[in-house]
């Protein structure tokens, strides 16, 4: 699922990305928080993706911990390289609270934060 997410992210395809998020997702990153998908899409992710060129995004070191049949806690790291008005080389921790809804896994909570890349 996170590999498919990365492909949609790299394609800057907000419609495909929407399929990965629960409508009531909470997203915290960069010191801010968005309380649902439309807010995150319109006030953070959409403008950010528009600003990026030469985008390369993905996850590594993914660990899935099941919490019952329809919930999971997923941890990993993300890597992001892009160009805006400057070169961006970012990465960090990426824990996700996931739920299965209608047979599909959705991100219900995301709280990513950057760390120094070496």
PDB file of N, CA and C in Angstrom:
ATOM      1  N   UNK A   1       0.818  -1.188   0.000  1.00  0.00           N
ATOM      2  CA  UNK A   1       0.000   0.000   0.000  1.00  0.00           C
ATOM      3  C   UNK A   1       0.862   1.252   0.000  1.00  0.00           C
ATOM      4  N   UNK A   2       1.920   1.275   0.844  1.00  0.00           N
ATOM      5  CA  UNK A   2       2.766   2.471   0.888  1.00  0.00           C
ATOM      6  C   UNK A   2       3.576   2.643  -0.393  1.00  0.00           C
ATOM      7  N   UNK A   3       3.875   1.559  -1.091  1.00  0.00           N
ATOM      8  CA  UNK A   3       4.538   1.679  -2.396  1.00  0.00           C
ATOM      9  C   UNK A   3       3.595   2.352  -3.397  1.00  0.00           C
ATOM     10  N   UNK A   4       2.318   1.954  -3.397  1.00  0.00           N
ATOM     11  CA  UNK A   4       1.330   2.596  -4.266  1.00  0.00           C
ATOM     12  C   UNK A   4       1.149   4.058  -3.877  1.00  0.00           C
ATOM     13  N   UNK A   5       1.147   4.325  -2.586  1.00  0.00           N
ATOM     14  CA  UNK A   5       1.046   5.698  -2.096  1.00  0.00           C
ATOM     15  C   UNK A   5       2.209   6.533  -2.648  1.00  0.00           C
ATOM     16  N   UNK A   6       3.418   5.985  -2.571  1.00  0.00           N
ATOM     17  CA  UNK A   6       4.594   6.695  -3.079  1.00  0.00           C
ATOM     18  C   UNK A   6       4.484   7.006  -4.561  1.00  0.00           C
ATOM     19  N   UNK A   7       3.956   6.061  -5.348  1.00  0.00           N
ATOM     20  CA  UNK A   7       3.785   6.306  -6.780  1.00  0.00           C
ATOM     21  C   UNK A   7       2.780   7.434  -7.022  1.00  0.00           C
ATOM     22  N   UNK A   8       1.688   7.452  -6.268  1.00  0.00           N
ATOM     23  CA  UNK A   8       0.700   8.529  -6.418  1.00  0.00           C
ATOM     24  C   UNK A   8       1.295   9.865  -5.988  1.00  0.00           C
ATOM     25  N   UNK A   9       2.092   9.852  -4.930  1.00  0.00           N
ATOM     26  CA  UNK A   9       2.746  11.068  -4.435  1.00  0.00           C
ATOM     27  C   UNK A   9       3.711  11.608  -5.488  1.00  0.00           C
ATOM     28  N   UNK A  10       4.538  10.730  -6.045  1.00  0.00           N
ATOM     29  CA  UNK A  10       5.501  11.160  -7.059  1.00  0.00           C
ATOM     30  C   UNK A  10       4.817  11.676  -8.322  1.00  0.00           C
ATOM     31  N   UNK A  11       3.631  11.136  -8.618  1.00  0.00           N
ATOM     32  CA  UNK A  11       2.855  11.605  -9.763  1.00  0.00           C
ATOM     33  C   UNK A  11       2.106  12.896  -9.442  1.00  0.00           C
ATOM     34  N   UNK A  12       2.143  13.305  -8.169  1.00  0.00           N
ATOM     35  CA  UNK A  12       1.428  14.505  -7.691  1.00  0.00           C
ATOM     36  C   UNK A  12      -0.066  14.410  -7.991  1.00  0.00           C
ATOM     37  N   UNK A  13      -0.608  13.209  -7.834  1.00  0.00           N
ATOM     38  CA  UNK A  13      -1.993  12.915  -8.178  1.00  0.00           C
ATOM     39  C   UNK A  13      -2.865  12.943  -6.919  1.00  0.00           C
ATOM     40  N   UNK A  14      -3.476  14.084  -6.652  1.00  0.00           N
ATOM     41  CA  UNK A  14      -4.288  14.234  -5.444  1.00  0.00           C
ATOM     42  C   UNK A  14      -5.506  13.315  -5.444  1.00  0.00           C
ATOM     43  N   UNK A  15      -6.066  13.025  -6.610  1.00  0.00           N
ATOM     44  CA  UNK A  15      -7.214  12.123  -6.669  1.00  0.00           C
ATOM     45  C   UNK A  15      -6.807  10.710  -6.243  1.00  0.00           C
ATOM     46  N   UNK A  16      -5.667  10.234  -6.727  1.00  0.00           N
ATOM     47  CA  UNK A  16      -5.184   8.912  -6.301  1.00  0.00           C
ATOM     48  C   UNK A  16      -4.799   8.922  -4.837  1.00  0.00           C
ATOM     49  N   UNK A  17      -4.172   9.997  -4.382  1.00  0.00           N
ATOM     50  CA  UNK A  17      -3.785  10.081  -2.968  1.00  0.00           C
ATOM     51  C   UNK A  17      -5.001  10.066  -2.054  1.00  0.00           C
ATOM     52  N   UNK A  18      -6.102  10.661  -2.487  1.00  0.00           N
ATOM     53  CA  UNK A  18      -7.318  10.698  -1.666  1.00  0.00           C
ATOM     54  C   UNK A  18      -7.779   9.299  -1.281  1.00  0.00           C
ATOM     55  N   UNK A  19      -7.557   8.329  -2.154  1.00  0.00           N
ATOM     56  CA  UNK A  19      -8.005   6.957  -1.890  1.00  0.00           C
ATOM     57  C   UNK A  19      -7.262   6.328  -0.711  1.00  0.00           C
ATOM     58  N   UNK A  20      -6.119   6.884  -0.320  1.00  0.00           N
ATOM     59  CA  UNK A  20      -5.338   6.330   0.780  1.00  0.00           C
ATOM     60  C   UNK A  20      -5.722   6.916   2.140  1.00  0.00           C
ATOM     61  N   UNK A  21      -6.512   7.968   2.139  1.00  0.00           N
ATOM     62  CA  UNK A  21      -6.831   8.675   3.380  1.00  0.00           C
ATOM     63  C   UNK A  21      -8.296   8.509   3.763  1.00  0.00           C
ATOM     64  N   UNK A  22      -8.541   8.304   5.041  1.00  0.00           N
ATOM     65  CA  UNK A  22      -9.885   8.371   5.593  1.00  0.00           C
ATOM     66  C   UNK A  22     -10.317   9.838   5.532  1.00  0.00           C
ATOM     67  N   UNK A  23     -11.579  10.106   5.264  1.00  0.00           N
ATOM     68  CA  UNK A  23     -12.037  11.496   5.158  1.00  0.00           C
ATOM     69  C   UNK A  23     -11.781  12.291   6.429  1.00  0.00           C
ATOM     70  N   UNK A  24     -11.817  11.612   7.579  1.00  0.00           N
ATOM     71  CA  UNK A  24     -11.597  12.279   8.862  1.00  0.00           C
ATOM     72  C   UNK A  24     -10.181  12.070   9.388  1.00  0.00           C
ATOM     73  N   UNK A  25      -9.227  11.902   8.485  1.00  0.00           N
ATOM     74  CA  UNK A  25      -7.831  11.724   8.884  1.00  0.00           C
ATOM     75  C   UNK A  25      -7.347  12.951   9.663  1.00  0.00           C
ATOM     76  N   UNK A  26      -6.464  12.730  10.598  1.00  0.00           N
ATOM     77  CA  UNK A  26      -5.724  13.830  11.208  1.00  0.00           C
ATOM     78  C   UNK A  26      -4.280  13.690  10.753  1.00  0.00           C
ATOM     79  N   UNK A  27      -3.721  14.787  10.264  1.00  0.00           N
ATOM     80  CA  UNK A  27      -2.354  14.792   9.758  1.00  0.00           C
ATOM     81  C   UNK A  27      -1.571  15.852  10.506  1.00  0.00           C
ATOM     82  N   UNK A  28      -0.480  15.441  11.112  1.00  0.00           N
ATOM     83  CA  UNK A  28       0.408  16.371  11.806  1.00  0.00           C
ATOM     84  C   UNK A  28       1.786  16.245  11.190  1.00  0.00           C
ATOM     85  N   UNK A  29       2.304  17.368  10.723  1.00  0.00           N
ATOM     86  CA  UNK A  29       3.667  17.393  10.192  1.00  0.00           C
ATOM     87  C   UNK A  29       4.148  18.834  10.142  1.00  0.00           C
ATOM     88  N   UNK A  30       5.442  18.990  10.275  1.00  0.00           N
ATOM     89  CA  UNK A  30       6.026  20.323  10.183  1.00  0.00           C
ATOM     90  C   UNK A  30       5.537  21.290  11.240  1.00  0.00           C
ATOM     91  N   UNK A  31       5.156  20.784  12.402  1.00  0.00           N
ATOM     92  CA  UNK A  31       4.696  21.663  13.469  1.00  0.00           C
ATOM     93  C   UNK A  31       3.252  22.089  13.347  1.00  0.00           C
ATOM     94  N   UNK A  32       2.560  21.643  12.296  1.00  0.00           N
ATOM     95  CA  UNK A  32       1.155  21.991  12.116  1.00  0.00           C
ATOM     96  C   UNK A  32       0.300  20.746  12.048  1.00  0.00           C
ATOM     97  N   UNK A  33      -1.013  20.965  12.025  1.00  0.00           N
ATOM     98  CA  UNK A  33      -1.930  19.842  11.982  1.00  0.00           C
ATOM     99  C   UNK A  33      -3.120  20.174  11.102  1.00  0.00           C
ATOM    100  N   UNK A  34      -3.596  19.181  10.383  1.00  0.00           N
ATOM    101  CA  UNK A  34      -4.797  19.310   9.559  1.00  0.00           C
ATOM    102  C   UNK A  34      -5.809  18.283  10.055  1.00  0.00           C
ATOM    103  N   UNK A  35      -7.062  18.710  10.318  1.00  0.00           N
ATOM    104  CA  UNK A  35      -8.028  17.835  10.987  1.00  0.00           C
ATOM    105  C   UNK A  35      -8.828  16.903  10.082  1.00  0.00           C
ATOM    106  N   UNK A  36      -8.714  16.976   8.777  1.00  0.00           N
ATOM    107  CA  UNK A  36      -9.425  16.070   7.884  1.00  0.00           C
ATOM    108  C   UNK A  36      -8.778  16.146   6.509  1.00  0.00           C
ATOM    109  N   UNK A  37      -9.114  15.211   5.617  1.00  0.00           N
ATOM    110  CA  UNK A  37      -8.474  15.099   4.315  1.00  0.00           C
ATOM    111  C   UNK A  37      -8.568  16.380   3.496  1.00  0.00           C
ATOM    112  N   UNK A  38      -9.739  16.964   3.352  1.00  0.00           N
ATOM    113  CA  UNK A  38      -9.887  18.144   2.494  1.00  0.00           C
ATOM    114  C   UNK A  38      -9.010  19.297   2.981  1.00  0.00           C
ATOM    115  N   UNK A  39      -8.896  19.473   4.272  1.00  0.00           N
ATOM    116  CA  UNK A  39      -8.048  20.530   4.820  1.00  0.00           C
ATOM    117  C   UNK A  39      -6.577  20.254   4.517  1.00  0.00           C
ATOM    118  N   UNK A  40      -6.154  19.016   4.722  1.00  0.00           N
ATOM    119  CA  UNK A  40      -4.772  18.634   4.419  1.00  0.00           C
ATOM    120  C   UNK A  40      -4.483  18.799   2.931  1.00  0.00           C
ATOM    121  N   UNK A  41      -5.396  18.340   2.092  1.00  0.00           N
ATOM    122  CA  UNK A  41      -5.223  18.438   0.639  1.00  0.00           C
ATOM    123  C   UNK A  41      -5.120  19.901   0.186  1.00  0.00           C
ATOM    124  N   UNK A  42      -6.035  20.732   0.661  1.00  0.00           N
ATOM    125  CA  UNK A  42      -6.132  22.104   0.161  1.00  0.00           C
ATOM    126  C   UNK A  42      -5.149  23.073   0.800  1.00  0.00           C
ATOM    127  N   UNK A  43      -4.796  22.831   2.054  1.00  0.00           N
ATOM    128  CA  UNK A  43      -3.966  23.804   2.772  1.00  0.00           C
ATOM    129  C   UNK A  43      -2.517  23.383   2.955  1.00  0.00           C
ATOM    130  N   UNK A  44      -2.218  22.122   2.654  1.00  0.00           N
ATOM    131  CA  UNK A  44      -0.844  21.665   2.856  1.00  0.00           C
ATOM    132  C   UNK A  44      -0.327  20.853   1.666  1.00  0.00           C
ATOM    133  N   UNK A  45      -0.873  19.658   1.482  1.00  0.00           N
ATOM    134  CA  UNK A  45      -0.324  18.740   0.497  1.00  0.00           C
ATOM    135  C   UNK A  45      -0.428  19.258  -0.935  1.00  0.00           C
ATOM    136  N   UNK A  46      -1.592  19.752  -1.313  1.00  0.00           N
ATOM    137  CA  UNK A  46      -1.778  20.248  -2.681  1.00  0.00           C
ATOM    138  C   UNK A  46      -0.799  21.353  -3.041  1.00  0.00           C
ATOM    139  N   UNK A  47      -0.738  22.436  -2.245  1.00  0.00           N
ATOM    140  CA  UNK A  47       0.227  23.491  -2.550  1.00  0.00           C
ATOM    141  C   UNK A  47       1.676  23.014  -2.527  1.00  0.00           C
ATOM    142  N   UNK A  48       1.990  22.107  -1.607  1.00  0.00           N
ATOM    143  CA  UNK A  48       3.347  21.575  -1.519  1.00  0.00           C
ATOM    144  C   UNK A  48       3.712  20.801  -2.784  1.00  0.00           C
ATOM    145  N   UNK A  49       2.821  19.917  -3.229  1.00  0.00           N
ATOM    146  CA  UNK A  49       3.096  19.141  -4.432  1.00  0.00           C
ATOM    147  C   UNK A  49       3.228  20.030  -5.660  1.00  0.00           C
ATOM    148  N   UNK A  50       2.406  21.073  -5.764  1.00  0.00           N
ATOM    149  CA  UNK A  50       2.502  21.997  -6.897  1.00  0.00           C
ATOM    150  C   UNK A  50       3.858  22.684  -6.940  1.00  0.00           C
ATOM    151  N   UNK A  51       4.428  22.952  -5.789  1.00  0.00           N
ATOM    152  CA  UNK A  51       5.705  23.665  -5.722  1.00  0.00           C
ATOM    153  C   UNK A  51       6.897  22.777  -6.064  1.00  0.00           C
ATOM    154  N   UNK A  52       6.731  21.457  -5.961  1.00  0.00           N
ATOM    155  CA  UNK A  52       7.842  20.535  -6.173  1.00  0.00           C
ATOM    156  C   UNK A  52       8.064  20.236  -7.652  1.00  0.00           C
ATOM    157  N   UNK A  53       9.330  20.190  -8.051  1.00  0.00           N
ATOM    158  CA  UNK A  53       9.743  19.593  -9.318  1.00  0.00           C
ATOM    159  C   UNK A  53      10.792  18.551  -8.974  1.00  0.00           C
ATOM    160  N   UNK A  54      11.086  17.677  -9.926  1.00  0.00           N
ATOM    161  CA  UNK A  54      12.079  16.615  -9.710  1.00  0.00           C
ATOM    162  C   UNK A  54      11.802  15.840  -8.428  1.00  0.00           C
ATOM    163  N   UNK A  55      10.553  15.508  -8.206  1.00  0.00           N
ATOM    164  CA  UNK A  55      10.114  14.891  -6.958  1.00  0.00           C
ATOM    165  C   UNK A  55      10.438  13.410  -6.914  1.00  0.00           C
ATOM    166  N   UNK A  56      11.025  12.978  -5.806  1.00  0.00           N
ATOM    167  CA  UNK A  56      11.268  11.570  -5.516  1.00  0.00           C
ATOM    168  C   UNK A  56      10.903  11.342  -4.059  1.00  0.00           C
ATOM    169  N   UNK A  57       9.900  10.475  -3.846  1.00  0.00           N
ATOM    170  CA  UNK A  57       9.387  10.212  -2.499  1.00  0.00           C
ATOM    171  C   UNK A  57       9.209   8.714  -2.321  1.00  0.00           C
ATOM    172  N   UNK A  58       9.461   8.232  -1.124  1.00  0.00           N
ATOM    173  CA  UNK A  58       9.209   6.831  -0.824  1.00  0.00           C
ATOM    174  C   UNK A  58       9.394   6.534   0.646  1.00  0.00           C
ATOM    175  N   UNK A  59       9.037   5.318   1.026  1.00  0.00           N
ATOM    176  CA  UNK A  59       9.164   4.844   2.406  1.00  0.00           C
ATOM    177  C   UNK A  59      10.192   3.724   2.478  1.00  0.00           C
ATOM    178  N   UNK A  60      10.865   3.628   3.612  1.00  0.00           N
ATOM    179  CA  UNK A  60      11.796   2.536   3.894  1.00  0.00           C
ATOM    180  C   UNK A  60      11.568   2.075   5.329  1.00  0.00           C
ATOM    181  N   UNK A  61      12.126   0.937   5.666  1.00  0.00           N
ATOM    182  CA  UNK A  61      12.099   0.402   7.033  1.00  0.00           C
ATOM    183  C   UNK A  61      10.670   0.308   7.594  1.00  0.00           C
ATOM    184  N   UNK A  62       9.770  -0.199   6.801  1.00  0.00           N
ATOM    185  CA  UNK A  62       8.354  -0.273   7.180  1.00  0.00           C
ATOM    186  C   UNK A  62       8.118  -1.476   8.100  1.00  0.00           C
ATOM    187  N   UNK A  63       7.416  -1.216   9.199  1.00  0.00           N
ATOM    188  CA  UNK A  63       7.030  -2.266  10.142  1.00  0.00           C
ATOM    189  C   UNK A  63       5.530  -2.123  10.390  1.00  0.00           C
ATOM    190  N   UNK A  64       4.802  -3.206  10.233  1.00  0.00           N
ATOM    191  CA  UNK A  64       3.351  -3.211  10.447  1.00  0.00           C
ATOM    192  C   UNK A  64       3.049  -3.986  11.718  1.00  0.00           C
ATOM    193  N   UNK A  65       2.282  -3.372  12.600  1.00  0.00           N
ATOM    194  CA  UNK A  65       1.815  -4.022  13.824  1.00  0.00           C
ATOM    195  C   UNK A  65       0.291  -4.014  13.795  1.00  0.00           C
ATOM    196  N   UNK A  66      -0.289  -5.194  13.718  1.00  0.00           N
ATOM    197  CA  UNK A  66      -1.745  -5.298  13.663  1.00  0.00           C
ATOM    198  C   UNK A  66      -2.346  -5.017  15.037  1.00  0.00           C
ATOM    199  N   UNK A  67      -3.473  -4.328  15.019  1.00  0.00           N
ATOM    200  CA  UNK A  67      -4.247  -4.041  16.227  1.00  0.00           C
ATOM    201  C   UNK A  67      -5.657  -4.557  15.935  1.00  0.00           C
ATOM    202  N   UNK A  68      -5.847  -5.829  16.082  1.00  0.00           N
ATOM    203  CA  UNK A  68      -7.107  -6.431  15.686  1.00  0.00           C
ATOM    204  C   UNK A  68      -7.107  -6.708  14.186  1.00  0.00           C
ATOM    205  N   UNK A  69      -8.284  -7.016  13.634  1.00  0.00           N
ATOM    206  CA  UNK A  69      -8.381  -7.370  12.221  1.00  0.00           C
ATOM    207  C   UNK A  69      -8.422  -6.157  11.293  1.00  0.00           C
ATOM    208  N   UNK A  70      -8.916  -5.029  11.779  1.00  0.00           N
ATOM    209  CA  UNK A  70      -9.155  -3.885  10.907  1.00  0.00           C
ATOM    210  C   UNK A  70      -8.418  -2.622  11.323  1.00  0.00           C
ATOM    211  N   UNK A  71      -7.353  -2.779  12.084  1.00  0.00           N
ATOM    212  CA  UNK A  71      -6.549  -1.621  12.491  1.00  0.00           C
ATOM    213  C   UNK A  71      -5.086  -2.040  12.564  1.00  0.00           C
ATOM    214  N   UNK A  72      -4.226  -1.109  12.243  1.00  0.00           N
ATOM    215  CA  UNK A  72      -2.790  -1.382  12.291  1.00  0.00           C
ATOM    216  C   UNK A  72      -2.046  -0.095  12.613  1.00  0.00           C
ATOM    217  N   UNK A  73      -0.909  -0.279  13.236  1.00  0.00           N
ATOM    218  CA  UNK A  73       0.023   0.813  13.486  1.00  0.00           C
ATOM    219  C   UNK A  73       1.236   0.531  12.606  1.00  0.00           C
ATOM    220  N   UNK A  74       1.528   1.445  11.691  1.00  0.00           N
ATOM    221  CA  UNK A  74       2.597   1.250  10.722  1.00  0.00           C
ATOM    222  C   UNK A  74       3.677   2.288  10.985  1.00  0.00           C
ATOM    223  N   UNK A  75       4.906   1.831  11.123  1.00  0.00           N
ATOM    224  CA  UNK A  75       6.014   2.759  11.293  1.00  0.00           C
ATOM    225  C   UNK A  75       6.983   2.579  10.136  1.00  0.00           C
ATOM    226  N   UNK A  76       7.704   3.614   9.865  1.00  0.00           N
ATOM    227  CA  UNK A  76       8.708   3.581   8.824  1.00  0.00           C
ATOM    228  C   UNK A  76       9.405   4.920   8.754  1.00  0.00           C
ATOM    229  N   UNK A  77      10.162   5.073   7.711  1.00  0.00           N
ATOM    230  CA  UNK A  77      10.820   6.345   7.439  1.00  0.00           C
ATOM    231  C   UNK A  77      10.450   6.773   6.030  1.00  0.00           C
ATOM    232  N   UNK A  78      10.413   8.067   5.803  1.00  0.00           N
ATOM    233  CA  UNK A  78      10.173   8.574   4.459  1.00  0.00           C
ATOM    234  C   UNK A  78      11.426   9.294   3.974  1.00  0.00           C
ATOM    235  N   UNK A  79      11.603   9.294   2.671  1.00  0.00           N
ATOM    236  CA  UNK A  79      12.667  10.046   2.018  1.00  0.00           C
ATOM    237  C   UNK A  79      12.022  10.914   0.951  1.00  0.00           C
ATOM    238  N   UNK A  80      12.407  12.166   0.893  1.00  0.00           N
ATOM    239  CA  UNK A  80      11.842  13.089  -0.083  1.00  0.00           C
ATOM    240  C   UNK A  80      12.958  13.954  -0.638  1.00  0.00           C
ATOM    241  N   UNK A  81      13.111  13.921  -1.950  1.00  0.00           N
ATOM    242  CA  UNK A  81      14.015  14.813  -2.668  1.00  0.00           C
ATOM    243  C   UNK A  81      13.175  15.573  -3.673  1.00  0.00           C
ATOM    244  N   UNK A  82      13.402  16.871  -3.784  1.00  0.00           N
ATOM    245  CA  UNK A  82      12.652  17.690  -4.733  1.00  0.00           C
ATOM    246  C   UNK A  82      13.379  19.017  -4.917  1.00  0.00           C
ATOM    247  N   UNK A  83      12.865  19.770  -5.856  1.00  0.00           N
ATOM    248  CA  UNK A  83      13.355  21.115  -6.076  1.00  0.00           C
ATOM    249  C   UNK A  83      12.171  22.060  -5.965  1.00  0.00           C
ATOM    250  N   UNK A  84      12.346  23.142  -5.260  1.00  0.00           N
ATOM    251  CA  UNK A  84      11.385  24.250  -5.247  1.00  0.00           C
ATOM    252  C   UNK A  84      12.217  25.462  -5.660  1.00  0.00           C
ATOM    253  N   UNK A  85      12.240  26.478  -4.850  1.00  0.00           N
ATOM    254  CA  UNK A  85      13.176  27.582  -5.085  1.00  0.00           C
ATOM    255  C   UNK A  85      14.573  27.210  -4.594  1.00  0.00           C
ATOM    256  N   UNK A  86      14.670  26.005  -4.018  1.00  0.00           N
ATOM    257  CA  UNK A  86      15.939  25.463  -3.533  1.00  0.00           C
ATOM    258  C   UNK A  86      15.869  23.941  -3.626  1.00  0.00           C
ATOM    259  N   UNK A  87      16.995  23.291  -3.406  1.00  0.00           N
ATOM    260  CA  UNK A  87      17.012  21.832  -3.384  1.00  0.00           C
ATOM    261  C   UNK A  87      16.522  21.351  -2.023  1.00  0.00           C
ATOM    262  N   UNK A  88      15.608  20.386  -2.037  1.00  0.00           N
ATOM    263  CA  UNK A  88      15.050  19.830  -0.812  1.00  0.00           C
ATOM    264  C   UNK A  88      15.512  18.380  -0.693  1.00  0.00           C
ATOM    265  N   UNK A  89      16.170  18.064   0.395  1.00  0.00           N
ATOM    266  CA  UNK A  89      16.546  16.684   0.729  1.00  0.00           C
ATOM    267  C   UNK A  89      16.049  16.460   2.143  1.00  0.00           C
ATOM    268  N   UNK A  90      14.891  15.822   2.227  1.00  0.00           N
ATOM    269  CA  UNK A  90      14.246  15.644   3.519  1.00  0.00           C
ATOM    270  C   UNK A  90      14.022  14.167   3.775  1.00  0.00           C
ATOM    271  N   UNK A  91      13.727  13.864   4.985  1.00  0.00           N
ATOM    272  CA  UNK A  91      13.391  12.514   5.382  1.00  0.00           C
ATOM    273  C   UNK A  91      13.067  12.523   6.858  1.00  0.00           C
ATOM    274  N   UNK A  92      12.469  11.468   7.309  1.00  0.00           N
ATOM    275  CA  UNK A  92      12.147  11.419   8.719  1.00  0.00           C
ATOM    276  C   UNK A  92      11.288  10.235   9.064  1.00  0.00           C
ATOM    277  N   UNK A  93      10.709  10.317  10.229  1.00  0.00           N
ATOM    278  CA  UNK A  93       9.872   9.242  10.746  1.00  0.00           C
ATOM    279  C   UNK A  93       8.447   9.382  10.223  1.00  0.00           C
ATOM    280  N   UNK A  94       7.838   8.242   9.979  1.00  0.00           N
ATOM    281  CA  UNK A  94       6.503   8.252   9.388  1.00  0.00           C
ATOM    282  C   UNK A  94       5.633   7.176  10.032  1.00  0.00           C
ATOM    283  N   UNK A  95       5.069   7.456  11.199  1.00  0.00           N
ATOM    284  CA  UNK A  95       4.115   6.510  11.773  1.00  0.00           C
ATOM    285  C   UNK A  95       2.691   6.811  11.288  1.00  0.00           C
ATOM    286  N   UNK A  96       1.950   5.753  11.025  1.00  0.00           N
ATOM    287  CA  UNK A  96       0.576   5.886  10.541  1.00  0.00           C
ATOM    288  C   UNK A  96      -0.349   5.005  11.365  1.00  0.00           C
ATOM    289  N   UNK A  97      -1.494   5.547  11.737  1.00  0.00           N
ATOM    290  CA  UNK A  97      -2.589   4.750  12.264  1.00  0.00           C
ATOM    291  C   UNK A  97      -3.472   4.399  11.080  1.00  0.00           C
ATOM    292  N   UNK A  98      -3.679   3.109  10.847  1.00  0.00           N
ATOM    293  CA  UNK A  98      -4.427   2.652   9.674  1.00  0.00           C
ATOM    294  C   UNK A  98      -5.673   1.887  10.102  1.00  0.00           C
ATOM    295  N   UNK A  99      -6.739   2.046   9.320  1.00  0.00           N
ATOM    296  CA  UNK A  99      -7.934   1.236   9.526  1.00  0.00           C
ATOM    297  C   UNK A  99      -8.352   0.633   8.186  1.00  0.00           C
ATOM    298  N   UNK A 100      -8.962  -0.534   8.283  1.00  0.00           N
ATOM    299  CA  UNK A 100      -9.506  -1.159   7.075  1.00  0.00           C
ATOM    300  C   UNK A 100     -10.974  -0.795   7.007  1.00  0.00           C
ATOM    301  N   UNK A 101     -11.356  -0.210   5.891  1.00  0.00           N
ATOM    302  CA  UNK A 101     -12.733   0.237   5.714  1.00  0.00           C
ATOM    303  C   UNK A 101     -13.198  -0.206   4.328  1.00  0.00           C
ATOM    304  N   UNK A 102     -14.260  -0.972   4.272  1.00  0.00           N
ATOM    305  CA  UNK A 102     -14.741  -1.470   2.991  1.00  0.00           C
ATOM    306  C   UNK A 102     -13.709  -2.315   2.265  1.00  0.00           C
ATOM    307  N   UNK A 103     -12.876  -3.020   3.027  1.00  0.00           N
ATOM    308  CA  UNK A 103     -11.861  -3.876   2.442  1.00  0.00           C
ATOM    309  C   UNK A 103     -10.580  -3.167   2.037  1.00  0.00           C
ATOM    310  N   UNK A 104     -10.522  -1.851   2.203  1.00  0.00           N
ATOM    311  CA  UNK A 104      -9.326  -1.087   1.835  1.00  0.00           C
ATOM    312  C   UNK A 104      -8.706  -0.434   3.062  1.00  0.00           C
ATOM    313  N   UNK A 105      -7.376  -0.431   3.107  1.00  0.00           N
ATOM    314  CA  UNK A 105      -6.667   0.229   4.192  1.00  0.00           C
ATOM    315  C   UNK A 105      -6.627   1.723   3.940  1.00  0.00           C
ATOM    316  N   UNK A 106      -6.916   2.488   4.997  1.00  0.00           N
ATOM    317  CA  UNK A 106      -6.927   3.954   4.927  1.00  0.00           C
ATOM    318  C   UNK A 106      -6.061   4.514   6.047  1.00  0.00           C
ATOM    319  N   UNK A 107      -5.400   5.601   5.754  1.00  0.00           N
ATOM    320  CA  UNK A 107      -4.639   6.315   6.778  1.00  0.00           C
ATOM    321  C   UNK A 107      -5.634   7.113   7.602  1.00  0.00           C
ATOM    322  N   UNK A 108      -5.706   6.803   8.891  1.00  0.00           N
ATOM    323  CA  UNK A 108      -6.622   7.511   9.799  1.00  0.00           C
ATOM    324  C   UNK A 108      -5.885   8.573  10.599  1.00  0.00           C
ATOM    325  N   UNK A 109      -4.588   8.342  10.833  1.00  0.00           N
ATOM    326  CA  UNK A 109      -3.762   9.333  11.517  1.00  0.00           C
ATOM    327  C   UNK A 109      -2.336   9.235  10.983  1.00  0.00           C
ATOM    328  N   UNK A 110      -1.755  10.380  10.718  1.00  0.00           N
ATOM    329  CA  UNK A 110      -0.375  10.455  10.255  1.00  0.00           C
ATOM    330  C   UNK A 110       0.321  11.553  11.042  1.00  0.00           C
ATOM    331  N   UNK A 111       1.504  11.241  11.549  1.00  0.00           N
ATOM    332  CA  UNK A 111       2.272  12.239  12.295  1.00  0.00           C
ATOM    333  C   UNK A 111       3.741  12.085  11.905  1.00  0.00           C
ATOM    334  N   UNK A 112       4.102  12.712  10.804  1.00  0.00           N
ATOM    335  CA  UNK A 112       5.480  12.607  10.319  1.00  0.00           C
ATOM    336  C   UNK A 112       6.303  13.780  10.822  1.00  0.00           C
ATOM    337  N   UNK A 113       7.590  13.529  10.967  1.00  0.00           N
ATOM    338  CA  UNK A 113       8.490  14.614  11.306  1.00  0.00           C
ATOM    339  C   UNK A 113       9.849  14.342  10.707  1.00  0.00           C
ATOM    340  N   UNK A 114      10.498  15.434  10.341  1.00  0.00           N
ATOM    341  CA  UNK A 114      11.786  15.328   9.669  1.00  0.00           C
ATOM    342  C   UNK A 114      12.903  15.072  10.665  1.00  0.00           C
ATOM    343  N   UNK A 115      13.955  14.464  10.159  1.00  0.00           N
ATOM    344  CA  UNK A 115      15.174  14.311  10.928  1.00  0.00           C
ATOM    345  C   UNK A 115      16.336  14.548   9.973  1.00  0.00           C
ATOM    346  N   UNK A 116      17.465  14.836  10.505  1.00  0.00           N
ATOM    347  CA  UNK A 116      18.638  15.127   9.685  1.00  0.00           C
ATOM    348  C   UNK A 116      18.996  13.908   8.833  1.00  0.00           C
ATOM    349  N   UNK A 117      19.174  14.149   7.538  1.00  0.00           N
ATOM    350  CA  UNK A 117      19.626  13.086   6.626  1.00  0.00           C
ATOM    351  C   UNK A 117      21.142  13.091   6.569  1.00  0.00           C
ATOM    352  N   UNK A 118      21.718  11.898   6.621  1.00  0.00           N
ATOM    353  CA  UNK A 118      23.181  11.805   6.553  1.00  0.00           C
ATOM    354  C   UNK A 118      23.610  11.103   5.286  1.00  0.00           C
TER     355      UNK A 118
END
